[in-house]
Amino acid sequence: MPKIRQVLFYKHYFEVFYLAQNKKIQDKIIWTIKVIESHSQIAEKYLKHVTGTKGIYELRIQYGSEIFRIFCFFDEGKLIILINGFQKKSQKTPKKEIDKAIAIKQAYESEN
């Protein structure tokens, strides 16, 4: 499928998270990224706005009973910048993870 949007990684945040995962989780992450790159409408099952934030979204990855979130944001509408990720162990997304994503997004915006 042709790419509708491009996914980029900002600094090392996503890469550190990605490399810490096993091969099956890595494959599921790549599959989810490809869905986001190639579909104009993306179901909330895969990409959802983080409530209470300005422009932070989460890639939602589930493999078996394991749940992962990777924060990202849009730049110029079609570019998605992947930032930090974590394994979700509770119903509510930890505030410290959201705060980290906000700080990384602000750093990106101040550089560009």
N, C-alpha and C. Protein backbone atom coordinates (compact mmCIF):
# COMPACT_ATOMS: atom_id res chain seq x y z
N MET A 1 0.84 -1.20 0.00
CA MET A 1 0.00 0.00 0.00
C MET A 1 0.88 1.24 0.00
N PRO A 2 0.44 2.29 -0.71
CA PRO A 2 1.22 3.53 -0.69
C PRO A 2 1.12 4.21 0.68
N LYS A 3 2.16 4.95 1.02
CA LYS A 3 2.17 5.66 2.30
C LYS A 3 1.35 6.94 2.19
N ILE A 4 0.49 7.15 3.16
CA ILE A 4 -0.30 8.37 3.25
C ILE A 4 0.43 9.37 4.15
N ARG A 5 1.10 8.84 5.14
CA ARG A 5 1.87 9.69 6.06
C ARG A 5 3.18 9.00 6.38
N GLN A 6 4.12 9.78 6.85
CA GLN A 6 5.43 9.25 7.18
C GLN A 6 5.59 9.22 8.70
N VAL A 7 6.17 8.15 9.20
CA VAL A 7 6.43 8.02 10.63
C VAL A 7 7.94 8.17 10.84
N LEU A 8 8.29 9.09 11.72
CA LEU A 8 9.70 9.32 12.06
C LEU A 8 9.91 9.10 13.55
N PHE A 9 11.14 8.93 13.93
CA PHE A 9 11.49 8.76 15.34
C PHE A 9 12.24 10.01 15.78
N TYR A 10 11.90 10.53 16.94
CA TYR A 10 12.59 11.71 17.47
C TYR A 10 13.66 11.25 18.46
N LYS A 11 14.87 11.62 18.17
CA LYS A 11 16.04 11.24 18.98
C LYS A 11 16.06 9.74 19.22
N HIS A 12 16.40 9.32 20.43
CA HIS A 12 16.59 7.89 20.72
C HIS A 12 15.45 7.26 21.52
N TYR A 13 14.45 8.04 21.91
CA TYR A 13 13.43 7.58 22.85
C TYR A 13 12.70 6.32 22.39
N PHE A 14 12.18 6.36 21.17
CA PHE A 14 11.44 5.21 20.66
C PHE A 14 12.37 4.02 20.46
N GLU A 15 13.55 4.25 19.90
CA GLU A 15 14.48 3.17 19.60
C GLU A 15 14.87 2.38 20.85
N VAL A 16 15.11 3.08 21.95
CA VAL A 16 15.47 2.41 23.21
C VAL A 16 14.34 1.49 23.66
N PHE A 17 13.11 1.99 23.59
CA PHE A 17 11.94 1.19 23.95
C PHE A 17 11.80 -0.01 23.02
N TYR A 18 11.88 0.24 21.71
CA TYR A 18 11.69 -0.81 20.70
C TYR A 18 12.70 -1.93 20.86
N LEU A 19 13.96 -1.59 21.01
CA LEU A 19 15.01 -2.60 21.10
C LEU A 19 14.92 -3.44 22.38
N ALA A 20 14.24 -2.93 23.39
CA ALA A 20 14.08 -3.67 24.64
C ALA A 20 12.99 -4.74 24.56
N GLN A 21 12.21 -4.73 23.45
CA GLN A 21 11.10 -5.68 23.32
C GLN A 21 11.56 -6.94 22.59
N ASN A 22 10.82 -8.04 22.80
CA ASN A 22 11.15 -9.27 22.08
C ASN A 22 10.70 -9.17 20.62
N LYS A 23 11.13 -10.10 19.80
CA LYS A 23 10.91 -10.05 18.35
C LYS A 23 9.42 -10.00 18.00
N LYS A 24 8.58 -10.75 18.70
CA LYS A 24 7.15 -10.77 18.39
C LYS A 24 6.50 -9.41 18.67
N ILE A 25 6.91 -8.77 19.76
CA ILE A 25 6.39 -7.44 20.08
C ILE A 25 6.90 -6.44 19.04
N GLN A 26 8.18 -6.53 18.69
CA GLN A 26 8.74 -5.64 17.66
C GLN A 26 7.96 -5.78 16.35
N ASP A 27 7.66 -7.02 15.95
CA ASP A 27 6.90 -7.25 14.72
C ASP A 27 5.51 -6.60 14.79
N LYS A 28 4.86 -6.69 15.94
CA LYS A 28 3.52 -6.10 16.11
C LYS A 28 3.62 -4.58 16.07
N ILE A 29 4.66 -4.01 16.63
CA ILE A 29 4.87 -2.56 16.58
C ILE A 29 5.04 -2.11 15.12
N ILE A 30 5.88 -2.81 14.37
CA ILE A 30 6.11 -2.47 12.96
C ILE A 30 4.81 -2.60 12.16
N TRP A 31 4.06 -3.66 12.41
CA TRP A 31 2.77 -3.85 11.72
C TRP A 31 1.84 -2.67 12.00
N THR A 32 1.77 -2.23 13.26
CA THR A 32 0.90 -1.12 13.64
C THR A 32 1.36 0.17 12.97
N ILE A 33 2.66 0.41 12.92
CA ILE A 33 3.19 1.60 12.25
C ILE A 33 2.80 1.58 10.77
N LYS A 34 2.88 0.42 10.14
CA LYS A 34 2.51 0.32 8.72
C LYS A 34 1.03 0.62 8.50
N VAL A 35 0.18 0.21 9.42
CA VAL A 35 -1.25 0.54 9.34
C VAL A 35 -1.43 2.05 9.38
N ILE A 36 -0.73 2.71 10.29
CA ILE A 36 -0.84 4.16 10.45
C ILE A 36 -0.30 4.89 9.22
N GLU A 37 0.76 4.37 8.64
CA GLU A 37 1.35 5.00 7.46
C GLU A 37 0.46 4.88 6.22
N SER A 38 -0.33 3.81 6.13
CA SER A 38 -1.00 3.50 4.87
C SER A 38 -2.52 3.67 4.87
N HIS A 39 -3.13 4.06 5.97
CA HIS A 39 -4.59 4.23 6.02
C HIS A 39 -4.94 5.68 6.37
N SER A 40 -5.89 6.25 5.64
CA SER A 40 -6.28 7.63 5.93
C SER A 40 -7.09 7.73 7.21
N GLN A 41 -7.95 6.76 7.45
CA GLN A 41 -8.73 6.70 8.69
C GLN A 41 -8.15 5.59 9.56
N ILE A 42 -7.80 5.95 10.79
CA ILE A 42 -7.19 4.97 11.69
C ILE A 42 -8.10 4.76 12.88
N ALA A 43 -8.45 3.52 13.15
CA ALA A 43 -9.33 3.19 14.27
C ALA A 43 -8.66 3.52 15.59
N GLU A 44 -9.47 3.93 16.57
CA GLU A 44 -8.94 4.21 17.91
C GLU A 44 -8.26 3.00 18.53
N LYS A 45 -8.56 1.84 18.02
CA LYS A 45 -7.90 0.62 18.49
C LYS A 45 -6.39 0.73 18.30
N TYR A 46 -5.96 1.50 17.29
CA TYR A 46 -4.53 1.62 16.96
C TYR A 46 -3.92 2.98 17.31
N LEU A 47 -4.70 4.05 17.25
CA LEU A 47 -4.18 5.39 17.50
C LEU A 47 -5.27 6.21 18.16
N LYS A 48 -4.95 6.78 19.31
CA LYS A 48 -5.96 7.53 20.07
C LYS A 48 -5.32 8.75 20.71
N HIS A 49 -6.07 9.86 20.71
CA HIS A 49 -5.62 11.08 21.38
C HIS A 49 -5.58 10.84 22.88
N VAL A 50 -4.54 11.34 23.54
CA VAL A 50 -4.43 11.21 24.99
C VAL A 50 -5.21 12.35 25.63
N THR A 51 -6.26 12.02 26.35
CA THR A 51 -7.13 12.99 26.99
C THR A 51 -6.32 13.93 27.88
N GLY A 52 -6.65 15.22 27.79
CA GLY A 52 -6.00 16.22 28.65
C GLY A 52 -4.67 16.72 28.12
N THR A 53 -4.31 16.32 26.89
CA THR A 53 -3.05 16.80 26.30
C THR A 53 -3.35 17.58 25.03
N LYS A 54 -2.38 18.36 24.62
CA LYS A 54 -2.51 19.11 23.38
C LYS A 54 -1.67 18.42 22.31
N GLY A 55 -2.32 17.57 21.53
CA GLY A 55 -1.66 16.97 20.38
C GLY A 55 -0.85 15.71 20.63
N ILE A 56 -0.96 15.11 21.82
CA ILE A 56 -0.25 13.85 22.08
C ILE A 56 -1.22 12.70 21.79
N TYR A 57 -0.73 11.73 21.03
CA TYR A 57 -1.50 10.54 20.69
C TYR A 57 -0.73 9.32 21.19
N GLU A 58 -1.43 8.20 21.28
CA GLU A 58 -0.76 6.96 21.65
C GLU A 58 -1.04 5.89 20.62
N LEU A 59 0.03 5.25 20.15
CA LEU A 59 -0.11 4.03 19.36
C LEU A 59 -0.46 2.96 20.37
N ARG A 60 -1.46 2.18 20.05
CA ARG A 60 -1.95 1.17 20.98
C ARG A 60 -1.60 -0.21 20.42
N ILE A 61 -0.75 -0.90 21.13
CA ILE A 61 -0.28 -2.21 20.69
C ILE A 61 -0.65 -3.24 21.73
N GLN A 62 -1.28 -4.31 21.26
CA GLN A 62 -1.61 -5.41 22.17
C GLN A 62 -1.10 -6.69 21.54
N TYR A 63 -0.40 -7.47 22.36
CA TYR A 63 0.08 -8.77 21.92
C TYR A 63 -0.25 -9.75 23.03
N GLY A 64 -1.22 -10.62 22.78
CA GLY A 64 -1.71 -11.51 23.84
C GLY A 64 -2.29 -10.67 24.96
N SER A 65 -1.83 -10.90 26.17
CA SER A 65 -2.33 -10.12 27.31
C SER A 65 -1.46 -8.90 27.59
N GLU A 66 -0.39 -8.72 26.81
CA GLU A 66 0.50 -7.59 27.03
C GLU A 66 0.01 -6.37 26.24
N ILE A 67 0.07 -5.22 26.89
CA ILE A 67 -0.39 -3.97 26.28
C ILE A 67 0.75 -2.97 26.32
N PHE A 68 0.98 -2.31 25.19
CA PHE A 68 2.04 -1.32 25.07
C PHE A 68 1.47 -0.03 24.51
N ARG A 69 2.07 1.08 24.90
CA ARG A 69 1.69 2.38 24.37
C ARG A 69 2.95 3.08 23.89
N ILE A 70 2.84 3.72 22.74
CA ILE A 70 3.94 4.52 22.21
C ILE A 70 3.35 5.90 21.92
N PHE A 71 3.88 6.91 22.57
CA PHE A 71 3.38 8.25 22.37
C PHE A 71 3.92 8.84 21.08
N CYS A 72 3.12 9.70 20.47
CA CYS A 72 3.52 10.34 19.23
C CYS A 72 2.72 11.62 19.06
N PHE A 73 3.09 12.38 18.04
CA PHE A 73 2.34 13.58 17.69
C PHE A 73 2.51 13.82 16.20
N PHE A 74 1.61 14.63 15.65
CA PHE A 74 1.66 14.97 14.23
C PHE A 74 2.49 16.23 14.04
N ASP A 75 3.16 16.31 12.90
CA ASP A 75 3.86 17.52 12.50
C ASP A 75 3.46 17.77 11.05
N GLU A 76 2.92 18.93 10.78
CA GLU A 76 2.44 19.29 9.45
C GLU A 76 1.38 18.31 8.94
N GLY A 77 0.62 17.75 9.85
CA GLY A 77 -0.53 16.94 9.48
C GLY A 77 -0.26 15.51 9.05
N LYS A 78 0.78 15.28 8.28
CA LYS A 78 1.00 13.95 7.73
C LYS A 78 2.20 13.22 8.31
N LEU A 79 2.97 13.89 9.10
CA LEU A 79 4.18 13.30 9.66
C LEU A 79 3.89 12.94 11.11
N ILE A 80 4.17 11.71 11.49
CA ILE A 80 3.96 11.32 12.88
C ILE A 80 5.34 11.10 13.49
N ILE A 81 5.58 11.75 14.60
CA ILE A 81 6.85 11.63 15.29
C ILE A 81 6.64 10.70 16.49
N LEU A 82 7.32 9.57 16.51
CA LEU A 82 7.22 8.64 17.63
C LEU A 82 8.19 9.07 18.72
N ILE A 83 7.68 9.07 19.94
CA ILE A 83 8.53 9.44 21.07
C ILE A 83 8.60 8.28 22.05
N ASN A 84 8.34 8.48 23.30
CA ASN A 84 8.56 7.41 24.28
C ASN A 84 7.47 6.35 24.27
N GLY A 85 7.83 5.16 24.73
CA GLY A 85 6.90 4.05 24.83
C GLY A 85 7.04 3.36 26.18
N PHE A 86 6.03 2.58 26.53
CA PHE A 86 6.08 1.83 27.79
C PHE A 86 5.10 0.68 27.74
N GLN A 87 5.28 -0.28 28.64
CA GLN A 87 4.32 -1.38 28.77
C GLN A 87 3.28 -0.95 29.77
N LYS A 88 2.04 -1.07 29.40
CA LYS A 88 0.93 -0.65 30.26
C LYS A 88 0.58 -1.79 31.21
N LYS A 89 0.58 -1.48 32.50
CA LYS A 89 0.31 -2.50 33.50
C LYS A 89 -0.92 -2.19 34.34
N SER A 90 -1.51 -1.00 34.11
CA SER A 90 -2.72 -0.65 34.85
C SER A 90 -3.73 -0.02 33.89
N GLN A 91 -4.96 0.14 34.36
CA GLN A 91 -6.02 0.68 33.52
C GLN A 91 -5.71 2.11 33.07
N LYS A 92 -5.15 2.89 33.96
CA LYS A 92 -4.89 4.30 33.68
C LYS A 92 -3.45 4.50 33.25
N THR A 93 -3.24 5.32 32.22
CA THR A 93 -1.89 5.63 31.76
C THR A 93 -1.18 6.46 32.84
N PRO A 94 0.01 6.03 33.24
CA PRO A 94 0.73 6.76 34.30
C PRO A 94 1.01 8.21 33.91
N LYS A 95 0.74 9.14 34.85
CA LYS A 95 0.94 10.56 34.60
C LYS A 95 2.39 10.86 34.24
N LYS A 96 3.33 10.16 34.87
CA LYS A 96 4.75 10.44 34.58
C LYS A 96 5.09 10.12 33.12
N GLU A 97 4.43 9.12 32.52
CA GLU A 97 4.66 8.79 31.11
C GLU A 97 4.09 9.88 30.21
N ILE A 98 2.91 10.38 30.55
CA ILE A 98 2.30 11.47 29.78
C ILE A 98 3.15 12.73 29.90
N ASP A 99 3.60 13.05 31.12
CA ASP A 99 4.45 14.23 31.33
C ASP A 99 5.74 14.13 30.53
N LYS A 100 6.31 12.94 30.46
CA LYS A 100 7.54 12.71 29.68
C LYS A 100 7.26 12.97 28.20
N ALA A 101 6.14 12.48 27.70
CA ALA A 101 5.78 12.68 26.29
C ALA A 101 5.59 14.16 25.98
N ILE A 102 4.94 14.89 26.89
CA ILE A 102 4.73 16.32 26.70
C ILE A 102 6.07 17.05 26.65
N ALA A 103 6.97 16.71 27.56
CA ALA A 103 8.30 17.35 27.60
C ALA A 103 9.09 17.07 26.32
N ILE A 104 9.01 15.84 25.81
CA ILE A 104 9.73 15.49 24.58
C ILE A 104 9.13 16.25 23.39
N LYS A 105 7.81 16.34 23.33
CA LYS A 105 7.15 17.09 22.25
C LYS A 105 7.57 18.56 22.30
N GLN A 106 7.62 19.14 23.48
CA GLN A 106 8.02 20.54 23.62
C GLN A 106 9.47 20.74 23.18
N ALA A 107 10.34 19.79 23.51
CA ALA A 107 11.75 19.87 23.07
C ALA A 107 11.81 19.82 21.55
N TYR A 108 11.05 18.93 20.94
CA TYR A 108 11.01 18.82 19.47
C TYR A 108 10.55 20.16 18.86
N GLU A 109 9.48 20.71 19.41
CA GLU A 109 8.92 21.96 18.86
C GLU A 109 9.89 23.12 19.01
N SER A 110 10.65 23.15 20.09
CA SER A 110 11.60 24.24 20.28
C SER A 110 12.79 24.13 19.33
N GLU A 111 13.06 22.93 18.83
CA GLU A 111 14.17 22.71 17.89
C GLU A 111 13.75 22.97 16.45
N ASN A 112 12.46 22.89 16.16
CA ASN A 112 11.99 23.00 14.78
C ASN A 112 11.17 24.24 14.52
